[in-house]
């Protein structure tokens, strides 16, 4: 029962996750969480464990379980770190991802807007994480049929990424592709006699794990 032992379990879990062994990853993360709860209590690192378990559950399509774990992480982060902290913004982002995956777009948008507000205040406009927030809001707006709003957000993300990461960075290229995709979807959907229902996908919603 030592924090370094918990870190080892966490690191093994990340390797298992990367190789597709989600059950093995979950087992290691749960062991890390038990130690961190006992040794650290409500702590930033304990919140990271909840976050990582949530991400494995989301990958396994256990969205209710993922939401519970992300909400645990958020509650700890708000209590320990405060509302205006980058990890709190990360929790809002990841809760949004789960809500988006289950088709709760309004709830997802609300969470993403909270994440963006924190990132703008703490990190500023010209930061990769701020661009991520714009990207994710764009994806939700596109699924909701707000193509003009989505394009505006995608363009914000692109402008930041070009300035901060460079024009040839994979994230910058992704933003350009997302704009092209959104334009095509808008043209196809609004030009159809019967509107096409967008297929929900969270591949372009971006998330981050914690150590």
C-alpha atoms as a PDB file:
ATOM      1  CA  UNK A   1       0.000   0.000   0.000  1.00  0.00           C
ATOM      2  CA  UNK A   2       2.333   2.672  -1.309  1.00  0.00           C
ATOM      3  CA  UNK A   3       1.774   5.398  -3.877  1.00  0.00           C
ATOM      4  CA  UNK A   4       4.635   4.092  -6.015  1.00  0.00           C
ATOM      5  CA  UNK A   5       3.025   0.659  -6.101  1.00  0.00           C
ATOM      6  CA  UNK A   6      -0.172   2.318  -7.271  1.00  0.00           C
ATOM      7  CA  UNK A   7       1.762   4.121  -9.983  1.00  0.00           C
ATOM      8  CA  UNK A   8       3.179   0.801 -11.174  1.00  0.00           C
ATOM      9  CA  UNK A   9      -0.322  -0.660 -11.414  1.00  0.00           C
ATOM     10  CA  UNK A  10      -1.391   2.456 -13.320  1.00  0.00           C
ATOM     11  CA  UNK A  11       1.502   2.188 -15.772  1.00  0.00           C
ATOM     12  CA  UNK A  12       0.884  -1.503 -16.394  1.00  0.00           C
ATOM     13  CA  UNK A  13      -2.754  -0.615 -17.024  1.00  0.00           C
ATOM     14  CA  UNK A  14      -1.785   1.944 -19.664  1.00  0.00           C
ATOM     15  CA  UNK A  15       0.294  -0.665 -21.495  1.00  0.00           C
ATOM     16  CA  UNK A  16      -2.528  -3.205 -21.348  1.00  0.00           C
ATOM     17  CA  UNK A  17      -4.945  -0.564 -22.613  1.00  0.00           C
ATOM     18  CA  UNK A  18      -2.652   0.250 -25.526  1.00  0.00           C
ATOM     19  CA  UNK A  19      -2.556  -3.428 -26.526  1.00  0.00           C
ATOM     20  CA  UNK A  20      -6.330  -3.802 -26.323  1.00  0.00           C
ATOM     21  CA  UNK A  21      -6.416  -5.769 -23.072  1.00  0.00           C
ATOM     22  CA  UNK A  22      -9.150  -3.628 -21.520  1.00  0.00           C
ATOM     23  CA  UNK A  23     -10.126  -6.117 -18.820  1.00  0.00           C
ATOM     24  CA  UNK A  24      -6.501  -6.411 -17.722  1.00  0.00           C
ATOM     25  CA  UNK A  25      -6.163  -2.651 -17.789  1.00  0.00           C
ATOM     26  CA  UNK A  26      -9.265  -2.254 -15.648  1.00  0.00           C
ATOM     27  CA  UNK A  27      -7.958  -4.729 -13.083  1.00  0.00           C
ATOM     28  CA  UNK A  28      -4.695  -2.816 -12.705  1.00  0.00           C
ATOM     29  CA  UNK A  29      -6.426   0.578 -12.517  1.00  0.00           C
ATOM     30  CA  UNK A  30      -8.807  -0.629  -9.833  1.00  0.00           C
ATOM     31  CA  UNK A  31      -5.856  -1.859  -7.744  1.00  0.00           C
ATOM     32  CA  UNK A  32      -4.191   1.532  -8.143  1.00  0.00           C
ATOM     33  CA  UNK A  33      -7.411   3.292  -7.116  1.00  0.00           C
ATOM     34  CA  UNK A  34      -7.807   1.205  -3.934  1.00  0.00           C
ATOM     35  CA  UNK A  35      -4.284   2.127  -2.828  1.00  0.00           C
ATOM     36  CA  UNK A  36      -4.689   5.785  -3.671  1.00  0.00           C
ATOM     37  CA  UNK A  37      -8.018   5.994  -1.845  1.00  0.00           C
ATOM     38  CA  UNK A  38      -6.502   4.453   1.264  1.00  0.00           C
ATOM     39  CA  UNK A  39      -3.186   6.313   1.266  1.00  0.00           C
ATOM     40  CA  UNK A  40      -4.098   9.660  -0.304  1.00  0.00           C
ATOM     41  CA  UNK A  41      -7.848  10.014   0.139  1.00  0.00           C
ATOM     42  CA  UNK A  42      -9.449  12.797  -1.907  1.00  0.00           C
ATOM     43  CA  UNK A  43      -6.394  13.817  -3.880  1.00  0.00           C
ATOM     44  CA  UNK A  44      -5.553  14.970  -7.382  1.00  0.00           C
ATOM     45  CA  UNK A  45      -3.853  11.620  -8.094  1.00  0.00           C
ATOM     46  CA  UNK A  46      -6.901   9.706  -6.849  1.00  0.00           C
ATOM     47  CA  UNK A  47      -9.002  11.747  -9.264  1.00  0.00           C
ATOM     48  CA  UNK A  48      -6.640  10.658 -12.042  1.00  0.00           C
ATOM     49  CA  UNK A  49      -7.420   7.025 -11.204  1.00  0.00           C
ATOM     50  CA  UNK A  50     -11.153   7.661 -11.501  1.00  0.00           C
ATOM     51  CA  UNK A  51     -10.521   9.410 -14.822  1.00  0.00           C
ATOM     52  CA  UNK A  52      -8.537   6.510 -16.239  1.00  0.00           C
ATOM     53  CA  UNK A  53     -11.042   3.881 -15.113  1.00  0.00           C
ATOM     54  CA  UNK A  54     -13.742   5.985 -16.764  1.00  0.00           C
ATOM     55  CA  UNK A  55     -11.846   6.023 -20.046  1.00  0.00           C
ATOM     56  CA  UNK A  56     -11.520   2.233 -20.067  1.00  0.00           C
ATOM     57  CA  UNK A  57     -15.228   1.880 -19.292  1.00  0.00           C
ATOM     58  CA  UNK A  58     -16.031   4.296 -22.118  1.00  0.00           C
ATOM     59  CA  UNK A  59     -13.887   2.271 -24.510  1.00  0.00           C
ATOM     60  CA  UNK A  60     -15.840  -0.829 -23.480  1.00  0.00           C
ATOM     61  CA  UNK A  61     -19.104   1.103 -24.085  1.00  0.00           C
ATOM     62  CA  UNK A  62     -20.019   1.019 -20.401  1.00  0.00           C
ATOM     63  CA  UNK A  63     -21.169   4.619 -20.638  1.00  0.00           C
ATOM     64  CA  UNK A  64     -23.081   4.692 -17.362  1.00  0.00           C
ATOM     65  CA  UNK A  65     -20.051   3.378 -15.512  1.00  0.00           C
ATOM     66  CA  UNK A  66     -17.789   5.815 -17.333  1.00  0.00           C
ATOM     67  CA  UNK A  67     -20.029   8.731 -16.418  1.00  0.00           C
ATOM     68  CA  UNK A  68     -20.023   7.759 -12.733  1.00  0.00           C
ATOM     69  CA  UNK A  69     -16.227   7.550 -12.662  1.00  0.00           C
ATOM     70  CA  UNK A  70     -15.770  10.866 -14.478  1.00  0.00           C
ATOM     71  CA  UNK A  71     -18.210  12.536 -12.106  1.00  0.00           C
ATOM     72  CA  UNK A  72     -16.195  11.191  -9.155  1.00  0.00           C
ATOM     73  CA  UNK A  73     -13.046  12.649 -10.713  1.00  0.00           C
ATOM     74  CA  UNK A  74     -14.769  15.983 -11.325  1.00  0.00           C
ATOM     75  CA  UNK A  75     -16.078  16.206  -7.754  1.00  0.00           C
ATOM     76  CA  UNK A  76     -12.599  15.630  -6.312  1.00  0.00           C
ATOM     77  CA  UNK A  77     -10.946  18.058  -8.713  1.00  0.00           C
ATOM     78  CA  UNK A  78     -13.436  20.815  -7.952  1.00  0.00           C
ATOM     79  CA  UNK A  79     -12.966  20.286  -4.214  1.00  0.00           C
ATOM     80  CA  UNK A  80      -9.179  19.918  -4.220  1.00  0.00           C
ATOM     81  CA  UNK A  81      -8.091  22.023  -7.206  1.00  0.00           C
ATOM     82  CA  UNK A  82     -11.002  24.400  -7.677  1.00  0.00           C
ATOM     83  CA  UNK A  83     -13.262  25.188 -10.597  1.00  0.00           C
ATOM     84  CA  UNK A  84     -10.648  27.106 -12.575  1.00  0.00           C
ATOM     85  CA  UNK A  85      -8.032  24.389 -13.040  1.00  0.00           C
ATOM     86  CA  UNK A  86      -6.955  22.573 -16.191  1.00  0.00           C
ATOM     87  CA  UNK A  87      -7.731  19.158 -14.682  1.00  0.00           C
ATOM     88  CA  UNK A  88     -11.248  20.310 -13.846  1.00  0.00           C
ATOM     89  CA  UNK A  89     -11.604  21.396 -17.468  1.00  0.00           C
ATOM     90  CA  UNK A  90     -10.381  17.939 -18.508  1.00  0.00           C
ATOM     91  CA  UNK A  91     -13.129  16.314 -16.434  1.00  0.00           C
ATOM     92  CA  UNK A  92     -15.770  18.507 -18.052  1.00  0.00           C
ATOM     93  CA  UNK A  93     -14.356  17.558 -21.466  1.00  0.00           C
ATOM     94  CA  UNK A  94     -14.403  13.844 -20.701  1.00  0.00           C
ATOM     95  CA  UNK A  95     -17.918  13.907 -19.241  1.00  0.00           C
ATOM     96  CA  UNK A  96     -18.957  15.626 -22.462  1.00  0.00           C
ATOM     97  CA  UNK A  97     -17.400  12.798 -24.452  1.00  0.00           C
ATOM     98  CA  UNK A  98     -19.529  10.231 -22.631  1.00  0.00           C
ATOM     99  CA  UNK A  99     -22.686  12.300 -23.037  1.00  0.00           C
ATOM    100  CA  UNK A 100     -21.894  12.774 -26.720  1.00  0.00           C
ATOM    101  CA  UNK A 101     -21.403   9.026 -27.150  1.00  0.00           C
ATOM    102  CA  UNK A 102     -24.915   8.392 -25.792  1.00  0.00           C
ATOM    103  CA  UNK A 103     -26.530  11.068 -27.962  1.00  0.00           C
ATOM    104  CA  UNK A 104     -27.059  13.601 -25.172  1.00  0.00           C
ATOM    105  CA  UNK A 105     -25.759  16.478 -27.250  1.00  0.00           C
ATOM    106  CA  UNK A 106     -27.135  19.344 -25.162  1.00  0.00           C
ATOM    107  CA  UNK A 107     -25.489  17.948 -22.055  1.00  0.00           C
ATOM    108  CA  UNK A 108     -22.243  17.416 -23.929  1.00  0.00           C
ATOM    109  CA  UNK A 109     -22.271  20.972 -25.250  1.00  0.00           C
ATOM    110  CA  UNK A 110     -22.844  22.390 -21.757  1.00  0.00           C
ATOM    111  CA  UNK A 111     -19.843  20.483 -20.389  1.00  0.00           C
ATOM    112  CA  UNK A 112     -17.618  21.492 -23.300  1.00  0.00           C
ATOM    113  CA  UNK A 113     -18.503  25.144 -22.897  1.00  0.00           C
ATOM    114  CA  UNK A 114     -17.464  24.947 -19.242  1.00  0.00           C
ATOM    115  CA  UNK A 115     -14.172  23.347 -20.250  1.00  0.00           C
ATOM    116  CA  UNK A 116     -13.557  26.050 -22.855  1.00  0.00           C
ATOM    117  CA  UNK A 117     -14.275  28.860 -20.390  1.00  0.00           C
ATOM    118  CA  UNK A 118     -11.721  27.458 -17.939  1.00  0.00           C
ATOM    119  CA  UNK A 119      -9.087  26.915 -20.605  1.00  0.00           C
ATOM    120  CA  UNK A 120      -9.519  30.405 -22.000  1.00  0.00           C
ATOM    121  CA  UNK A 121      -9.077  31.884 -18.526  1.00  0.00           C
ATOM    122  CA  UNK A 122      -6.218  29.660 -17.352  1.00  0.00           C
ATOM    123  CA  UNK A 123      -4.346  28.844 -20.569  1.00  0.00           C
ATOM    124  CA  UNK A 124      -5.383  31.642 -22.887  1.00  0.00           C
ATOM    125  CA  UNK A 125      -6.578  31.632 -26.474  1.00  0.00           C
ATOM    126  CA  UNK A 126      -3.337  30.419 -28.022  1.00  0.00           C
ATOM    127  CA  UNK A 127      -3.013  26.961 -26.477  1.00  0.00           C
ATOM    128  CA  UNK A 128      -3.461  23.460 -27.883  1.00  0.00           C
ATOM    129  CA  UNK A 129      -5.982  22.501 -25.198  1.00  0.00           C
ATOM    130  CA  UNK A 130      -8.083  25.549 -26.001  1.00  0.00           C
ATOM    131  CA  UNK A 131      -8.055  24.480 -29.637  1.00  0.00           C
ATOM    132  CA  UNK A 132      -9.194  21.024 -28.496  1.00  0.00           C
ATOM    133  CA  UNK A 133     -12.192  22.604 -26.787  1.00  0.00           C
ATOM    134  CA  UNK A 134     -13.149  24.522 -29.921  1.00  0.00           C
ATOM    135  CA  UNK A 135     -12.789  21.305 -31.949  1.00  0.00           C
ATOM    136  CA  UNK A 136     -15.020  19.328 -29.610  1.00  0.00           C
ATOM    137  CA  UNK A 137     -17.706  21.991 -29.464  1.00  0.00           C
ATOM    138  CA  UNK A 138     -17.656  22.027 -33.261  1.00  0.00           C
ATOM    139  CA  UNK A 139     -18.216  18.279 -33.435  1.00  0.00           C
ATOM    140  CA  UNK A 140     -21.224  18.473 -31.119  1.00  0.00           C
ATOM    141  CA  UNK A 141     -22.718  21.425 -32.984  1.00  0.00           C
ATOM    142  CA  UNK A 142     -22.308  19.541 -36.249  1.00  0.00           C
ATOM    143  CA  UNK A 143     -24.163  16.519 -34.860  1.00  0.00           C
ATOM    144  CA  UNK A 144     -26.922  18.874 -33.676  1.00  0.00           C
ATOM    145  CA  UNK A 145     -27.258  20.280 -37.193  1.00  0.00           C
ATOM    146  CA  UNK A 146     -25.771  23.678 -36.333  1.00  0.00           C
ATOM    147  CA  UNK A 147     -23.340  23.642 -39.230  1.00  0.00           C
ATOM    148  CA  UNK A 148     -22.587  27.365 -39.202  1.00  0.00           C
ATOM    149  CA  UNK A 149     -21.789  27.223 -35.497  1.00  0.00           C
ATOM    150  CA  UNK A 150     -19.670  24.134 -36.056  1.00  0.00           C
ATOM    151  CA  UNK A 151     -17.700  25.787 -38.852  1.00  0.00           C
ATOM    152  CA  UNK A 152     -17.023  28.818 -36.690  1.00  0.00           C
ATOM    153  CA  UNK A 153     -15.643  26.606 -33.913  1.00  0.00           C
ATOM    154  CA  UNK A 154     -13.579  24.507 -36.332  1.00  0.00           C
ATOM    155  CA  UNK A 155     -12.066  27.689 -37.775  1.00  0.00           C
ATOM    156  CA  UNK A 156     -11.167  28.876 -34.271  1.00  0.00           C
ATOM    157  CA  UNK A 157      -9.438  25.557 -33.610  1.00  0.00           C
ATOM    158  CA  UNK A 158      -7.615  25.696 -36.940  1.00  0.00           C
ATOM    159  CA  UNK A 159      -6.357  29.242 -36.391  1.00  0.00           C
ATOM    160  CA  UNK A 160      -4.907  28.339 -32.997  1.00  0.00           C
ATOM    161  CA  UNK A 161      -3.332  25.131 -34.226  1.00  0.00           C
ATOM    162  CA  UNK A 162      -1.714  26.785 -37.210  1.00  0.00           C
ATOM    163  CA  UNK A 163      -0.192  29.413 -34.920  1.00  0.00           C
ATOM    164  CA  UNK A 164       0.780  27.178 -32.005  1.00  0.00           C
ATOM    165  CA  UNK A 165       1.500  23.818 -33.640  1.00  0.00           C
ATOM    166  CA  UNK A 166       2.268  24.741 -37.245  1.00  0.00           C
ATOM    167  CA  UNK A 167       0.480  24.029 -40.505  1.00  0.00           C
ATOM    168  CA  UNK A 168       1.876  20.518 -40.896  1.00  0.00           C
ATOM    169  CA  UNK A 169       0.993  19.220 -37.421  1.00  0.00           C
ATOM    170  CA  UNK A 170      -1.414  16.279 -37.355  1.00  0.00           C
ATOM    171  CA  UNK A 171      -3.922  18.228 -35.246  1.00  0.00           C
ATOM    172  CA  UNK A 172      -3.812  21.137 -37.679  1.00  0.00           C
ATOM    173  CA  UNK A 173      -4.374  18.800 -40.598  1.00  0.00           C
ATOM    174  CA  UNK A 174      -7.260  17.229 -38.676  1.00  0.00           C
ATOM    175  CA  UNK A 175      -8.852  20.656 -38.244  1.00  0.00           C
ATOM    176  CA  UNK A 176      -8.631  21.363 -41.970  1.00  0.00           C
ATOM    177  CA  UNK A 177     -10.172  17.953 -42.673  1.00  0.00           C
ATOM    178  CA  UNK A 178     -12.926  18.622 -40.144  1.00  0.00           C
ATOM    179  CA  UNK A 179     -13.826  21.892 -41.856  1.00  0.00           C
ATOM    180  CA  UNK A 180     -14.012  20.126 -45.210  1.00  0.00           C
ATOM    181  CA  UNK A 181     -16.141  17.356 -43.695  1.00  0.00           C
ATOM    182  CA  UNK A 182     -18.496  19.856 -42.077  1.00  0.00           C
ATOM    183  CA  UNK A 183     -18.929  21.792 -45.316  1.00  0.00           C
ATOM    184  CA  UNK A 184     -19.755  18.611 -47.214  1.00  0.00           C
ATOM    185  CA  UNK A 185     -22.193  17.464 -44.539  1.00  0.00           C
ATOM    186  CA  UNK A 186     -23.927  20.848 -44.543  1.00  0.00           C
ATOM    187  CA  UNK A 187     -24.243  20.839 -48.312  1.00  0.00           C
ATOM    188  CA  UNK A 188     -25.485  17.248 -48.410  1.00  0.00           C
ATOM    189  CA  UNK A 189     -27.925  17.619 -45.520  1.00  0.00           C
ATOM    190  CA  UNK A 190     -29.402  21.034 -46.245  1.00  0.00           C
ATOM    191  CA  UNK A 191     -29.579  20.287 -49.943  1.00  0.00           C
ATOM    192  CA  UNK A 192     -31.524  17.064 -49.496  1.00  0.00           C
ATOM    193  CA  UNK A 193     -35.309  16.885 -49.800  1.00  0.00           C
ATOM    194  CA  UNK A 194     -35.345  14.743 -46.686  1.00  0.00           C
ATOM    195  CA  UNK A 195     -32.593  15.778 -44.258  1.00  0.00           C
ATOM    196  CA  UNK A 196     -29.978  13.146 -43.649  1.00  0.00           C
ATOM    197  CA  UNK A 197     -29.594  12.192 -40.003  1.00  0.00           C
ATOM    198  CA  UNK A 198     -25.889  12.470 -39.126  1.00  0.00           C
ATOM    199  CA  UNK A 199     -24.238   9.260 -37.947  1.00  0.00           C
ATOM    200  CA  UNK A 200     -22.971   9.771 -34.422  1.00  0.00           C
ATOM    201  CA  UNK A 201     -19.240   9.256 -34.065  1.00  0.00           C
ATOM    202  CA  UNK A 202     -16.904  10.348 -31.323  1.00  0.00           C
ATOM    203  CA  UNK A 203     -13.700   9.720 -33.269  1.00  0.00           C
ATOM    204  CA  UNK A 204     -13.056  13.431 -33.683  1.00  0.00           C
ATOM    205  CA  UNK A 205     -13.832  14.298 -30.068  1.00  0.00           C
ATOM    206  CA  UNK A 206     -10.530  14.568 -28.310  1.00  0.00           C
ATOM    207  CA  UNK A 207      -9.737  13.373 -24.801  1.00  0.00           C
ATOM    208  CA  UNK A 208      -6.728  12.908 -22.537  1.00  0.00           C
ATOM    209  CA  UNK A 209      -5.773  10.347 -19.922  1.00  0.00           C
ATOM    210  CA  UNK A 210      -3.939  11.081 -16.697  1.00  0.00           C
ATOM    211  CA  UNK A 211      -0.969   9.378 -15.110  1.00  0.00           C
END
